[in-house]
PDB file of N, CA and C in Angstrom:
ATOM      1  N   MET A   1     -58.478   4.336  66.679  1.00  0.00           N
ATOM      2  CA  MET A   1     -57.114   4.482  67.400  1.00  0.00           C
ATOM      3  C   MET A   1     -57.430   5.218  68.779  1.00  0.00           C
ATOM      4  N   GLN A   2     -56.664   4.814  69.627  1.00  0.00           N
ATOM      5  CA  GLN A   2     -56.699   5.372  71.017  1.00  0.00           C
ATOM      6  C   GLN A   2     -56.002   6.725  70.985  1.00  0.00           C
ATOM      7  N   ASN A   3     -55.749   7.404  72.178  1.00  0.00           N
ATOM      8  CA  ASN A   3     -54.928   8.519  72.288  1.00  0.00           C
ATOM      9  C   ASN A   3     -53.492   8.250  71.764  1.00  0.00           C
ATOM     10  N   VAL A   4     -53.035   9.341  71.073  1.00  0.00           N
ATOM     11  CA  VAL A   4     -51.699   9.456  70.703  1.00  0.00           C
ATOM     12  C   VAL A   4     -50.850  10.355  71.586  1.00  0.00           C
ATOM     13  N   LEU A   5     -49.866   9.857  72.277  1.00  0.00           N
ATOM     14  CA  LEU A   5     -49.075  10.725  73.072  1.00  0.00           C
ATOM     15  C   LEU A   5     -47.895  11.233  72.208  1.00  0.00           C
ATOM     16  N   VAL A   6     -47.754  12.561  72.174  1.00  0.00           N
ATOM     17  CA  VAL A   6     -46.776  13.257  71.412  1.00  0.00           C
ATOM     18  C   VAL A   6     -45.779  13.933  72.449  1.00  0.00           C
ATOM     19  N   ILE A   7     -44.509  13.410  72.494  1.00  0.00           N
ATOM     20  CA  ILE A   7     -43.434  13.843  73.371  1.00  0.00           C
ATOM     21  C   ILE A   7     -42.592  14.809  72.505  1.00  0.00           C
ATOM     22  N   GLU A   8     -42.707  15.949  72.652  1.00  0.00           N
ATOM     23  CA  GLU A   8     -41.926  16.872  71.756  1.00  0.00           C
ATOM     24  C   GLU A   8     -41.830  18.216  72.448  1.00  0.00           C
ATOM     25  N   ASP A   9     -40.475  18.838  72.411  1.00  0.00           N
ATOM     26  CA  ASP A   9     -40.276  20.006  73.171  1.00  0.00           C
ATOM     27  C   ASP A   9     -40.294  21.232  72.351  1.00  0.00           C
ATOM     28  N   ASN A  10     -40.375  21.131  71.045  1.00  0.00           N
ATOM     29  CA  ASN A  10     -40.490  22.342  70.112  1.00  0.00           C
ATOM     30  C   ASN A  10     -41.950  22.630  69.815  1.00  0.00           C
ATOM     31  N   GLU A  11     -42.227  23.730  70.313  1.00  0.00           N
ATOM     32  CA  GLU A  11     -43.730  24.205  70.146  1.00  0.00           C
ATOM     33  C   GLU A  11     -44.334  24.241  68.835  1.00  0.00           C
ATOM     34  N   ASP A  12     -43.492  24.524  67.847  1.00  0.00           N
ATOM     35  CA  ASP A  12     -44.126  24.736  66.431  1.00  0.00           C
ATOM     36  C   ASP A  12     -44.275  23.124  65.925  1.00  0.00           C
ATOM     37  N   ASN A  13     -43.290  22.273  66.175  1.00  0.00           N
ATOM     38  CA  ASN A  13     -43.374  20.836  65.862  1.00  0.00           C
ATOM     39  C   ASN A  13     -44.676  20.277  66.553  1.00  0.00           C
ATOM     40  N   MET A  14     -44.812  20.577  67.931  1.00  0.00           N
ATOM     41  CA  MET A  14     -45.977  20.001  68.522  1.00  0.00           C
ATOM     42  C   MET A  14     -47.284  20.545  67.995  1.00  0.00           C
ATOM     43  N   LYS A  15     -47.379  21.751  67.678  1.00  0.00           N
ATOM     44  CA  LYS A  15     -48.589  22.102  66.925  1.00  0.00           C
ATOM     45  C   LYS A  15     -48.868  21.534  65.693  1.00  0.00           C
ATOM     46  N   LEU A  16     -47.847  21.351  64.888  1.00  0.00           N
ATOM     47  CA  LEU A  16     -47.983  20.820  63.413  1.00  0.00           C
ATOM     48  C   LEU A  16     -48.261  19.263  63.606  1.00  0.00           C
ATOM     49  N   ILE A  17     -47.738  18.550  64.405  1.00  0.00           N
ATOM     50  CA  ILE A  17     -47.934  17.145  64.583  1.00  0.00           C
ATOM     51  C   ILE A  17     -49.354  16.936  65.185  1.00  0.00           C
ATOM     52  N   THR A  18     -49.714  17.659  66.198  1.00  0.00           N
ATOM     53  CA  THR A  18     -51.063  17.503  66.700  1.00  0.00           C
ATOM     54  C   THR A  18     -52.173  17.921  65.762  1.00  0.00           C
ATOM     55  N   PHE A  19     -51.981  19.045  65.107  1.00  0.00           N
ATOM     56  CA  PHE A  19     -52.918  19.482  64.077  1.00  0.00           C
ATOM     57  C   PHE A  19     -53.180  18.380  62.984  1.00  0.00           C
ATOM     58  N   ILE A  20     -52.071  17.696  62.462  1.00  0.00           N
ATOM     59  CA  ILE A  20     -52.187  16.661  61.516  1.00  0.00           C
ATOM     60  C   ILE A  20     -52.970  15.497  62.042  1.00  0.00           C
ATOM     61  N   LEU A  21     -52.589  15.028  63.249  1.00  0.00           N
ATOM     62  CA  LEU A  21     -53.223  13.870  63.855  1.00  0.00           C
ATOM     63  C   LEU A  21     -54.710  14.246  64.020  1.00  0.00           C
ATOM     64  N   GLU A  22     -55.038  15.342  64.716  1.00  0.00           N
ATOM     65  CA  GLU A  22     -56.343  15.499  65.117  1.00  0.00           C
ATOM     66  C   GLU A  22     -57.246  15.793  63.759  1.00  0.00           C
ATOM     67  N   LYS A  23     -56.632  16.356  62.633  1.00  0.00           N
ATOM     68  CA  LYS A  23     -57.384  16.386  61.455  1.00  0.00           C
ATOM     69  C   LYS A  23     -57.756  15.112  60.837  1.00  0.00           C
ATOM     70  N   ASN A  24     -56.795  14.098  61.148  1.00  0.00           N
ATOM     71  CA  ASN A  24     -57.155  12.780  60.649  1.00  0.00           C
ATOM     72  C   ASN A  24     -57.750  11.888  61.638  1.00  0.00           C
ATOM     73  N   GLY A  25     -58.502  12.462  62.657  1.00  0.00           N
ATOM     74  CA  GLY A  25     -59.361  11.597  63.597  1.00  0.00           C
ATOM     75  C   GLY A  25     -58.673  10.997  64.697  1.00  0.00           C
ATOM     76  N   TYR A  26     -57.383  11.331  65.011  1.00  0.00           N
ATOM     77  CA  TYR A  26     -56.745  10.972  66.258  1.00  0.00           C
ATOM     78  C   TYR A  26     -57.045  11.898  67.327  1.00  0.00           C
ATOM     79  N   GLN A  27     -57.028  11.385  68.614  1.00  0.00           N
ATOM     80  CA  GLN A  27     -57.016  12.083  69.765  1.00  0.00           C
ATOM     81  C   GLN A  27     -55.597  12.296  70.330  1.00  0.00           C
ATOM     82  N   THR A  28     -55.212  13.473  70.753  1.00  0.00           N
ATOM     83  CA  THR A  28     -53.659  13.772  71.175  1.00  0.00           C
ATOM     84  C   THR A  28     -53.706  14.188  72.569  1.00  0.00           C
ATOM     85  N   ILE A  29     -52.637  13.735  73.230  1.00  0.00           N
ATOM     86  CA  ILE A  29     -52.153  14.239  74.511  1.00  0.00           C
ATOM     87  C   ILE A  29     -50.744  14.769  74.192  1.00  0.00           C
ATOM     88  N   SER A  30     -50.289  15.613  75.140  1.00  0.00           N
ATOM     89  CA  SER A  30     -48.907  16.060  74.754  1.00  0.00           C
ATOM     90  C   SER A  30     -48.094  16.236  76.015  1.00  0.00           C
ATOM     91  N   ALA A  31     -46.848  16.044  75.805  1.00  0.00           N
ATOM     92  CA  ALA A  31     -45.792  16.206  76.755  1.00  0.00           C
ATOM     93  C   ALA A  31     -44.615  16.978  76.151  1.00  0.00           C
ATOM     94  N   GLU A  32     -44.089  17.933  76.956  1.00  0.00           N
ATOM     95  CA  GLU A  32     -42.933  18.756  76.316  1.00  0.00           C
ATOM     96  C   GLU A  32     -41.470  18.333  76.966  1.00  0.00           C
ATOM     97  N   THR A  33     -41.538  17.424  77.907  1.00  0.00           N
ATOM     98  CA  THR A  33     -40.431  16.797  78.405  1.00  0.00           C
ATOM     99  C   THR A  33     -40.367  15.357  78.529  1.00  0.00           C
ATOM    100  N   GLY A  34     -39.198  14.670  78.691  1.00  0.00           N
ATOM    101  CA  GLY A  34     -39.111  13.326  78.778  1.00  0.00           C
ATOM    102  C   GLY A  34     -39.879  12.764  80.141  1.00  0.00           C
ATOM    103  N   LYS A  35     -39.588  13.488  81.182  1.00  0.00           N
ATOM    104  CA  LYS A  35     -40.266  13.074  82.362  1.00  0.00           C
ATOM    105  C   LYS A  35     -41.904  13.152  82.393  1.00  0.00           C
ATOM    106  N   GLN A  36     -42.346  14.205  81.729  1.00  0.00           N
ATOM    107  CA  GLN A  36     -43.710  14.413  81.617  1.00  0.00           C
ATOM    108  C   GLN A  36     -44.276  13.110  80.651  1.00  0.00           C
ATOM    109  N   GLY A  37     -43.503  12.836  79.555  1.00  0.00           N
ATOM    110  CA  GLY A  37     -43.832  11.923  78.736  1.00  0.00           C
ATOM    111  C   GLY A  37     -43.916  10.422  79.306  1.00  0.00           C
ATOM    112  N   ILE A  38     -42.933  10.148  80.126  1.00  0.00           N
ATOM    113  CA  ILE A  38     -42.871   8.967  80.974  1.00  0.00           C
ATOM    114  C   ILE A  38     -44.260   8.922  81.772  1.00  0.00           C
ATOM    115  N   ASN A  39     -44.493   9.880  82.627  1.00  0.00           N
ATOM    116  CA  ASN A  39     -45.647   9.965  83.511  1.00  0.00           C
ATOM    117  C   ASN A  39     -46.908   9.718  82.724  1.00  0.00           C
ATOM    118  N   MET A  40     -46.900  10.469  81.599  1.00  0.00           N
ATOM    119  CA  MET A  40     -48.252  10.236  80.734  1.00  0.00           C
ATOM    120  C   MET A  40     -48.422   8.980  80.158  1.00  0.00           C
ATOM    121  N   ALA A  41     -47.238   8.445  79.699  1.00  0.00           N
ATOM    122  CA  ALA A  41     -47.340   7.065  79.149  1.00  0.00           C
ATOM    123  C   ALA A  41     -47.940   5.947  80.014  1.00  0.00           C
ATOM    124  N   ILE A  42     -47.406   6.119  81.294  1.00  0.00           N
ATOM    125  CA  ILE A  42     -47.838   5.194  82.318  1.00  0.00           C
ATOM    126  C   ILE A  42     -49.178   5.361  82.761  1.00  0.00           C
ATOM    127  N   SER A  43     -49.586   6.648  82.940  1.00  0.00           N
ATOM    128  CA  SER A  43     -50.946   6.965  83.461  1.00  0.00           C
ATOM    129  C   SER A  43     -52.064   7.053  82.439  1.00  0.00           C
ATOM    130  N   GLU A  44     -51.784   7.411  81.148  1.00  0.00           N
ATOM    131  CA  GLU A  44     -52.885   7.666  80.271  1.00  0.00           C
ATOM    132  C   GLU A  44     -52.900   6.326  79.421  1.00  0.00           C
ATOM    133  N   LYS A  45     -51.768   5.661  79.233  1.00  0.00           N
ATOM    134  CA  LYS A  45     -51.868   4.287  78.466  1.00  0.00           C
ATOM    135  C   LYS A  45     -52.150   4.589  76.920  1.00  0.00           C
ATOM    136  N   PRO A  46     -51.490   5.538  76.297  1.00  0.00           N
ATOM    137  CA  PRO A  46     -51.914   5.839  74.977  1.00  0.00           C
ATOM    138  C   PRO A  46     -51.704   4.678  73.959  1.00  0.00           C
ATOM    139  N   GLY A  47     -52.385   4.591  72.895  1.00  0.00           N
ATOM    140  CA  GLY A  47     -52.374   3.562  71.757  1.00  0.00           C
ATOM    141  C   GLY A  47     -51.183   3.654  71.109  1.00  0.00           C
ATOM    142  N   LEU A  48     -50.477   4.884  71.122  1.00  0.00           N
ATOM    143  CA  LEU A  48     -49.241   5.199  70.280  1.00  0.00           C
ATOM    144  C   LEU A  48     -48.522   6.282  70.782  1.00  0.00           C
ATOM    145  N   ILE A  49     -47.254   6.267  70.782  1.00  0.00           N
ATOM    146  CA  ILE A  49     -46.371   7.393  71.243  1.00  0.00           C
ATOM    147  C   ILE A  49     -45.402   7.799  70.125  1.00  0.00           C
ATOM    148  N   LEU A  50     -45.442   9.091  69.844  1.00  0.00           N
ATOM    149  CA  LEU A  50     -44.478   9.641  68.980  1.00  0.00           C
ATOM    150  C   LEU A  50     -43.395  10.452  69.722  1.00  0.00           C
ATOM    151  N   LEU A  51     -42.284  10.021  69.585  1.00  0.00           N
ATOM    152  CA  LEU A  51     -41.184  10.525  70.577  1.00  0.00           C
ATOM    153  C   LEU A  51     -40.179  11.208  69.889  1.00  0.00           C
ATOM    154  N   ASP A  52     -39.846  12.436  70.224  1.00  0.00           N
ATOM    155  CA  ASP A  52     -38.730  13.220  69.875  1.00  0.00           C
ATOM    156  C   ASP A  52     -37.516  12.581  70.597  1.00  0.00           C
ATOM    157  N   ILE A  53     -36.360  12.659  70.106  1.00  0.00           N
ATOM    158  CA  ILE A  53     -35.100  12.088  70.683  1.00  0.00           C
ATOM    159  C   ILE A  53     -34.345  13.043  71.364  1.00  0.00           C
ATOM    160  N   GLN A  54     -34.393  14.229  70.880  1.00  0.00           N
ATOM    161  CA  GLN A  54     -33.630  15.379  71.540  1.00  0.00           C
ATOM    162  C   GLN A  54     -34.638  16.187  72.517  1.00  0.00           C
ATOM    163  N   LEU A  55     -34.634  15.789  73.801  1.00  0.00           N
ATOM    164  CA  LEU A  55     -35.460  16.547  74.720  1.00  0.00           C
ATOM    165  C   LEU A  55     -34.714  17.278  75.798  1.00  0.00           C
ATOM    166  N   PRO A  56     -35.341  18.212  76.466  1.00  0.00           N
ATOM    167  CA  PRO A  56     -34.569  19.041  77.286  1.00  0.00           C
ATOM    168  C   PRO A  56     -34.150  18.489  78.647  1.00  0.00           C
ATOM    169  N   ASP A  57     -34.713  17.397  79.093  1.00  0.00           N
ATOM    170  CA  ASP A  57     -34.388  16.936  80.275  1.00  0.00           C
ATOM    171  C   ASP A  57     -33.668  15.497  80.276  1.00  0.00           C
ATOM    172  N   ILE A  58     -34.313  14.718  79.494  1.00  0.00           N
ATOM    173  CA  ILE A  58     -33.910  13.192  79.425  1.00  0.00           C
ATOM    174  C   ILE A  58     -33.767  12.911  77.997  1.00  0.00           C
ATOM    175  N   ASN A  59     -32.754  12.142  77.624  1.00  0.00           N
ATOM    176  CA  ASN A  59     -32.536  11.831  76.282  1.00  0.00           C
ATOM    177  C   ASN A  59     -33.750  10.915  75.850  1.00  0.00           C
ATOM    178  N   GLY A  60     -34.216  10.985  74.570  1.00  0.00           N
ATOM    179  CA  GLY A  60     -35.256  10.160  74.162  1.00  0.00           C
ATOM    180  C   GLY A  60     -35.071   8.781  74.242  1.00  0.00           C
ATOM    181  N   LEU A  61     -33.819   8.356  74.033  1.00  0.00           N
ATOM    182  CA  LEU A  61     -33.463   7.011  74.152  1.00  0.00           C
ATOM    183  C   LEU A  61     -33.657   6.319  75.556  1.00  0.00           C
ATOM    184  N   ASP A  62     -33.496   7.149  76.628  1.00  0.00           N
ATOM    185  CA  ASP A  62     -33.694   6.805  77.960  1.00  0.00           C
ATOM    186  C   ASP A  62     -35.179   6.829  78.171  1.00  0.00           C
ATOM    187  N   VAL A  63     -35.941   7.807  77.641  1.00  0.00           N
ATOM    188  CA  VAL A  63     -37.402   7.692  77.730  1.00  0.00           C
ATOM    189  C   VAL A  63     -37.915   6.426  77.098  1.00  0.00           C
ATOM    190  N   LEU A  64     -37.441   5.906  76.116  1.00  0.00           N
ATOM    191  CA  LEU A  64     -37.889   4.977  75.511  1.00  0.00           C
ATOM    192  C   LEU A  64     -37.704   3.629  76.226  1.00  0.00           C
ATOM    193  N   LYS A  65     -36.426   3.532  76.852  1.00  0.00           N
ATOM    194  CA  LYS A  65     -36.072   2.418  77.596  1.00  0.00           C
ATOM    195  C   LYS A  65     -37.051   2.359  78.981  1.00  0.00           C
ATOM    196  N   ILE A  66     -37.238   3.384  79.525  1.00  0.00           N
ATOM    197  CA  ILE A  66     -37.999   3.390  80.742  1.00  0.00           C
ATOM    198  C   ILE A  66     -39.451   2.926  80.411  1.00  0.00           C
ATOM    199  N   ILE A  67     -39.996   3.571  79.388  1.00  0.00           N
ATOM    200  CA  ILE A  67     -41.256   3.046  78.912  1.00  0.00           C
ATOM    201  C   ILE A  67     -41.401   1.593  78.558  1.00  0.00           C
ATOM    202  N   ARG A  68     -40.392   1.274  77.717  1.00  0.00           N
ATOM    203  CA  ARG A  68     -40.298  -0.308  77.368  1.00  0.00           C
ATOM    204  C   ARG A  68     -40.213  -1.098  78.781  1.00  0.00           C
ATOM    205  N   ASN A  69     -39.554  -0.743  79.658  1.00  0.00           N
ATOM    206  CA  ASN A  69     -39.440  -1.524  80.931  1.00  0.00           C
ATOM    207  C   ASN A  69     -40.541  -1.430  81.867  1.00  0.00           C
ATOM    208  N   SER A  70     -41.544  -0.479  81.633  1.00  0.00           N
ATOM    209  CA  SER A  70     -42.562  -0.194  82.573  1.00  0.00           C
ATOM    210  C   SER A  70     -43.431  -1.477  82.430  1.00  0.00           C
ATOM    211  N   GLU A  71     -44.053  -1.957  83.367  1.00  0.00           N
ATOM    212  CA  GLU A  71     -44.788  -3.306  83.422  1.00  0.00           C
ATOM    213  C   GLU A  71     -46.137  -3.074  82.383  1.00  0.00           C
ATOM    214  N   SER A  72     -46.719  -1.923  82.486  1.00  0.00           N
ATOM    215  CA  SER A  72     -48.111  -1.928  81.626  1.00  0.00           C
ATOM    216  C   SER A  72     -47.814  -1.348  80.412  1.00  0.00           C
ATOM    217  N   ASN A  73     -46.590  -0.734  79.963  1.00  0.00           N
ATOM    218  CA  ASN A  73     -46.598  -0.081  78.727  1.00  0.00           C
ATOM    219  C   ASN A  73     -45.368  -0.576  77.919  1.00  0.00           C
ATOM    220  N   GLY A  74     -44.955  -1.744  78.189  1.00  0.00           N
ATOM    221  CA  GLY A  74     -43.865  -2.219  77.390  1.00  0.00           C
ATOM    222  C   GLY A  74     -44.147  -2.441  75.827  1.00  0.00           C
ATOM    223  N   LYS A  75     -45.603  -2.579  75.602  1.00  0.00           N
ATOM    224  CA  LYS A  75     -45.798  -3.031  74.197  1.00  0.00           C
ATOM    225  C   LYS A  75     -46.444  -1.806  73.459  1.00  0.00           C
ATOM    226  N   ILE A  76     -46.460  -0.643  73.870  1.00  0.00           N
ATOM    227  CA  ILE A  76     -47.087   0.431  73.185  1.00  0.00           C
ATOM    228  C   ILE A  76     -46.121   0.797  71.967  1.00  0.00           C
ATOM    229  N   PRO A  77     -46.883   0.944  70.819  1.00  0.00           N
ATOM    230  CA  PRO A  77     -45.967   1.232  69.680  1.00  0.00           C
ATOM    231  C   PRO A  77     -45.445   2.615  69.862  1.00  0.00           C
ATOM    232  N   ILE A  78     -44.092   2.705  69.703  1.00  0.00           N
ATOM    233  CA  ILE A  78     -43.375   4.001  69.760  1.00  0.00           C
ATOM    234  C   ILE A  78     -42.643   4.299  68.498  1.00  0.00           C
ATOM    235  N   ILE A  79     -42.793   5.470  67.860  1.00  0.00           N
ATOM    236  CA  ILE A  79     -42.199   5.887  66.652  1.00  0.00           C
ATOM    237  C   ILE A  79     -41.397   7.254  67.011  1.00  0.00           C
ATOM    238  N   ALA A  80     -40.084   6.986  66.682  1.00  0.00           N
ATOM    239  CA  ALA A  80     -39.281   8.070  66.925  1.00  0.00           C
ATOM    240  C   ALA A  80     -39.530   9.126  65.725  1.00  0.00           C
ATOM    241  N   VAL A  81     -39.729  10.509  66.133  1.00  0.00           N
ATOM    242  CA  VAL A  81     -39.863  11.576  65.154  1.00  0.00           C
ATOM    243  C   VAL A  81     -38.800  12.439  65.465  1.00  0.00           C
ATOM    244  N   THR A  82     -37.769  12.476  64.562  1.00  0.00           N
ATOM    245  CA  THR A  82     -36.571  13.114  65.025  1.00  0.00           C
ATOM    246  C   THR A  82     -35.705  13.592  63.922  1.00  0.00           C
ATOM    247  N   SER A  83     -34.960  14.668  64.261  1.00  0.00           N
ATOM    248  CA  SER A  83     -33.943  15.236  63.276  1.00  0.00           C
ATOM    249  C   SER A  83     -32.786  14.430  63.259  1.00  0.00           C
ATOM    250  N   PHE A  84     -32.597  13.263  64.150  1.00  0.00           N
ATOM    251  CA  PHE A  84     -31.382  12.412  64.092  1.00  0.00           C
ATOM    252  C   PHE A  84     -31.520  11.771  62.653  1.00  0.00           C
ATOM    253  N   ALA A  85     -30.610  12.183  61.799  1.00  0.00           N
ATOM    254  CA  ALA A  85     -30.656  11.681  60.410  1.00  0.00           C
ATOM    255  C   ALA A  85     -29.303  11.311  59.895  1.00  0.00           C
ATOM    256  N   MET A  86     -28.342  10.987  60.823  1.00  0.00           N
ATOM    257  CA  MET A  86     -27.079  10.634  60.423  1.00  0.00           C
ATOM    258  C   MET A  86     -27.070   9.099  60.109  1.00  0.00           C
ATOM    259  N   SER A  87     -26.139   8.637  59.218  1.00  0.00           N
ATOM    260  CA  SER A  87     -26.139   7.273  58.895  1.00  0.00           C
ATOM    261  C   SER A  87     -26.197   6.379  60.138  1.00  0.00           C
ATOM    262  N   GLY A  88     -27.137   5.454  60.088  1.00  0.00           N
ATOM    263  CA  GLY A  88     -27.199   4.448  61.251  1.00  0.00           C
ATOM    264  C   GLY A  88     -28.030   4.776  62.291  1.00  0.00           C
ATOM    265  N   ASP A  89     -28.532   6.013  62.312  1.00  0.00           N
ATOM    266  CA  ASP A  89     -29.445   6.536  63.460  1.00  0.00           C
ATOM    267  C   ASP A  89     -30.659   5.900  63.337  1.00  0.00           C
ATOM    268  N   ARG A  90     -31.337   5.581  62.246  1.00  0.00           N
ATOM    269  CA  ARG A  90     -32.575   4.843  62.038  1.00  0.00           C
ATOM    270  C   ARG A  90     -32.571   3.354  62.651  1.00  0.00           C
ATOM    271  N   GLU A  91     -31.385   2.765  62.271  1.00  0.00           N
ATOM    272  CA  GLU A  91     -31.165   1.317  62.753  1.00  0.00           C
ATOM    273  C   GLU A  91     -30.923   1.201  64.161  1.00  0.00           C
ATOM    274  N   ARG A  92     -30.136   2.283  64.709  1.00  0.00           N
ATOM    275  CA  ARG A  92     -30.030   2.299  66.007  1.00  0.00           C
ATOM    276  C   ARG A  92     -31.171   2.583  66.908  1.00  0.00           C
ATOM    277  N   LEU A  93     -32.074   3.377  66.516  1.00  0.00           N
ATOM    278  CA  LEU A  93     -33.297   3.655  67.206  1.00  0.00           C
ATOM    279  C   LEU A  93     -34.246   2.436  67.175  1.00  0.00           C
ATOM    280  N   LEU A  94     -34.330   1.782  65.936  1.00  0.00           N
ATOM    281  CA  LEU A  94     -35.193   0.643  65.883  1.00  0.00           C
ATOM    282  C   LEU A  94     -34.644  -0.505  66.690  1.00  0.00           C
ATOM    283  N   ALA A  95     -33.284  -0.646  66.847  1.00  0.00           N
ATOM    284  CA  ALA A  95     -32.677  -1.695  67.546  1.00  0.00           C
ATOM    285  C   ALA A  95     -32.979  -1.470  69.064  1.00  0.00           C
ATOM    286  N   ALA A  96     -33.113  -0.124  69.361  1.00  0.00           N
ATOM    287  CA  ALA A  96     -33.208   0.307  70.818  1.00  0.00           C
ATOM    288  C   ALA A  96     -34.708   0.006  71.270  1.00  0.00           C
ATOM    289  N   GLY A  97     -35.695  -0.168  70.388  1.00  0.00           N
ATOM    290  CA  GLY A  97     -36.994  -0.583  70.727  1.00  0.00           C
ATOM    291  C   GLY A  97     -38.081   0.329  70.116  1.00  0.00           C
ATOM    292  N   CYS A  98     -37.752   1.238  69.194  1.00  0.00           N
ATOM    293  CA  CYS A  98     -38.569   1.904  68.528  1.00  0.00           C
ATOM    294  C   CYS A  98     -39.393   1.026  67.526  1.00  0.00           C
ATOM    295  N   ASN A  99     -40.638   1.197  67.264  1.00  0.00           N
ATOM    296  CA  ASN A  99     -41.157   0.352  66.114  1.00  0.00           C
ATOM    297  C   ASN A  99     -41.164   1.115  64.681  1.00  0.00           C
ATOM    298  N   GLY A 100     -40.767   2.418  64.748  1.00  0.00           N
ATOM    299  CA  GLY A 100     -40.802   3.098  63.479  1.00  0.00           C
ATOM    300  C   GLY A 100     -39.931   4.425  63.734  1.00  0.00           C
ATOM    301  N   TYR A 101     -39.627   5.116  62.621  1.00  0.00           N
ATOM    302  CA  TYR A 101     -38.823   6.176  62.539  1.00  0.00           C
ATOM    303  C   TYR A 101     -39.212   7.209  61.524  1.00  0.00           C
ATOM    304  N   ILE A 102     -39.470   8.316  61.938  1.00  0.00           N
ATOM    305  CA  ILE A 102     -39.998   9.404  60.951  1.00  0.00           C
ATOM    306  C   ILE A 102     -38.954  10.509  61.187  1.00  0.00           C
ATOM    307  N   GLU A 103     -38.383  10.994  59.965  1.00  0.00           N
ATOM    308  CA  GLU A 103     -37.297  12.185  60.053  1.00  0.00           C
ATOM    309  C   GLU A 103     -38.087  13.510  60.078  1.00  0.00           C
ATOM    310  N   LYS A 104     -37.403  14.292  60.815  1.00  0.00           N
ATOM    311  CA  LYS A 104     -37.873  15.805  60.735  1.00  0.00           C
ATOM    312  C   LYS A 104     -37.015  16.667  59.655  1.00  0.00           C
ATOM    313  N   PRO A 105     -37.479  17.491  59.058  1.00  0.00           N
ATOM    314  CA  PRO A 105     -38.867  18.065  59.312  1.00  0.00           C
ATOM    315  C   PRO A 105     -39.823  16.984  58.589  1.00  0.00           C
ATOM    316  N   ILE A 106     -41.023  16.995  59.269  1.00  0.00           N
ATOM    317  CA  ILE A 106     -42.039  16.018  58.746  1.00  0.00           C
ATOM    318  C   ILE A 106     -42.660  16.493  57.547  1.00  0.00           C
ATOM    319  N   ASN A 107     -43.047  15.598  56.762  1.00  0.00           N
ATOM    320  CA  ASN A 107     -43.785  15.950  55.386  1.00  0.00           C
ATOM    321  C   ASN A 107     -45.207  15.778  55.898  1.00  0.00           C
ATOM    322  N   PRO A 108     -46.065  16.839  55.982  1.00  0.00           N
ATOM    323  CA  PRO A 108     -47.436  16.828  56.298  1.00  0.00           C
ATOM    324  C   PRO A 108     -48.243  16.012  55.410  1.00  0.00           C
ATOM    325  N   GLU A 109     -47.897  15.726  54.088  1.00  0.00           N
ATOM    326  CA  GLU A 109     -48.495  15.148  53.028  1.00  0.00           C
ATOM    327  C   GLU A 109     -48.547  13.560  53.288  1.00  0.00           C
ATOM    328  N   THR A 110     -47.301  13.149  53.867  1.00  0.00           N
ATOM    329  CA  THR A 110     -47.098  11.699  53.997  1.00  0.00           C
ATOM    330  C   THR A 110     -47.047  11.274  55.576  1.00  0.00           C
ATOM    331  N   PHE A 111     -47.204  12.170  56.466  1.00  0.00           N
ATOM    332  CA  PHE A 111     -47.055  11.946  57.943  1.00  0.00           C
ATOM    333  C   PHE A 111     -47.951  10.838  58.427  1.00  0.00           C
ATOM    334  N   ILE A 112     -49.197  10.801  58.041  1.00  0.00           N
ATOM    335  CA  ILE A 112     -50.194   9.835  58.478  1.00  0.00           C
ATOM    336  C   ILE A 112     -49.930   8.499  57.791  1.00  0.00           C
ATOM    337  N   SER A 113     -49.601   8.566  56.636  1.00  0.00           N
ATOM    338  CA  SER A 113     -49.346   7.183  55.861  1.00  0.00           C
ATOM    339  C   SER A 113     -48.143   6.567  56.469  1.00  0.00           C
ATOM    340  N   GLU A 114     -47.203   7.326  57.003  1.00  0.00           N
ATOM    341  CA  GLU A 114     -45.894   6.774  57.506  1.00  0.00           C
ATOM    342  C   GLU A 114     -46.262   6.249  58.909  1.00  0.00           C
ATOM    343  N   ILE A 115     -47.043   6.729  59.751  1.00  0.00           N
ATOM    344  CA  ILE A 115     -47.559   6.365  61.016  1.00  0.00           C
ATOM    345  C   ILE A 115     -48.385   5.017  60.719  1.00  0.00           C
ATOM    346  N   ARG A 116     -49.296   5.037  59.846  1.00  0.00           N
ATOM    347  CA  ARG A 116     -50.108   3.780  59.468  1.00  0.00           C
ATOM    348  C   ARG A 116     -49.231   2.817  59.100  1.00  0.00           C
ATOM    349  N   GLN A 117     -48.182   3.114  58.202  1.00  0.00           N
ATOM    350  CA  GLN A 117     -47.243   1.770  57.848  1.00  0.00           C
ATOM    351  C   GLN A 117     -46.716   1.092  59.064  1.00  0.00           C
ATOM    352  N   VAL A 118     -46.391   1.783  60.048  1.00  0.00           N
ATOM    353  CA  VAL A 118     -45.904   1.185  61.283  1.00  0.00           C
ATOM    354  C   VAL A 118     -46.936   0.553  62.160  1.00  0.00           C
ATOM    355  N   THR A 119     -47.858   1.282  62.439  1.00  0.00           N
ATOM    356  CA  THR A 119     -49.071   0.730  63.205  1.00  0.00           C
ATOM    357  C   THR A 119     -49.787  -0.445  62.717  1.00  0.00           C
ATOM    358  N   GLU A 120     -49.995  -0.394  61.455  1.00  0.00           N
ATOM    359  CA  GLU A 120     -50.786  -1.503  60.941  1.00  0.00           C
ATOM    360  C   GLU A 120     -50.153  -2.909  61.057  1.00  0.00           C
ATOM    361  N   GLY A 121     -48.824  -2.937  61.141  1.00  0.00           N
ATOM    362  CA  GLY A 121     -48.181  -4.203  61.411  1.00  0.00           C
ATOM    363  C   GLY A 121     -48.089  -4.729  62.867  1.00  0.00           C
ATOM    364  N   ILE A 122     -48.579  -3.898  63.657  1.00  0.00           N
ATOM    365  CA  ILE A 122     -48.384  -4.253  65.136  1.00  0.00           C
ATOM    366  C   ILE A 122     -49.844  -4.718  65.631  1.00  0.00           C
ATOM    367  N   PRO A 123     -49.757  -5.845  66.242  1.00  0.00           N
ATOM    368  CA  PRO A 123     -50.847  -6.540  66.709  1.00  0.00           C
ATOM    369  C   PRO A 123     -51.532  -5.778  67.903  1.00  0.00           C
TER     370      PRO A 123
END
């Protein structure tokens, strides 16, 4: 797996997510805002993006749309990792262009298998 870009503004969540990923052999790069995430997605071309939806500067849905519309990054797998857990949120995020959805708080025991379930089906 190439680099995983984690776009997450909560420091504790960022530490936990990157720790789990790195422990399982993934390389990580991090962004704390939507703007940073967009710039890193375009410049670094990660193999996967884990995207928080509630970001301090730009809504995660807008970040998703900008990345999806970028010429070189439209096909990067993007998984929403979010506390959006209301009825219909999962479907709305998948319809908007996310390849997967993981609800917060994440379960460290199943997090990697949830990521693999999404990424293994993507060419």
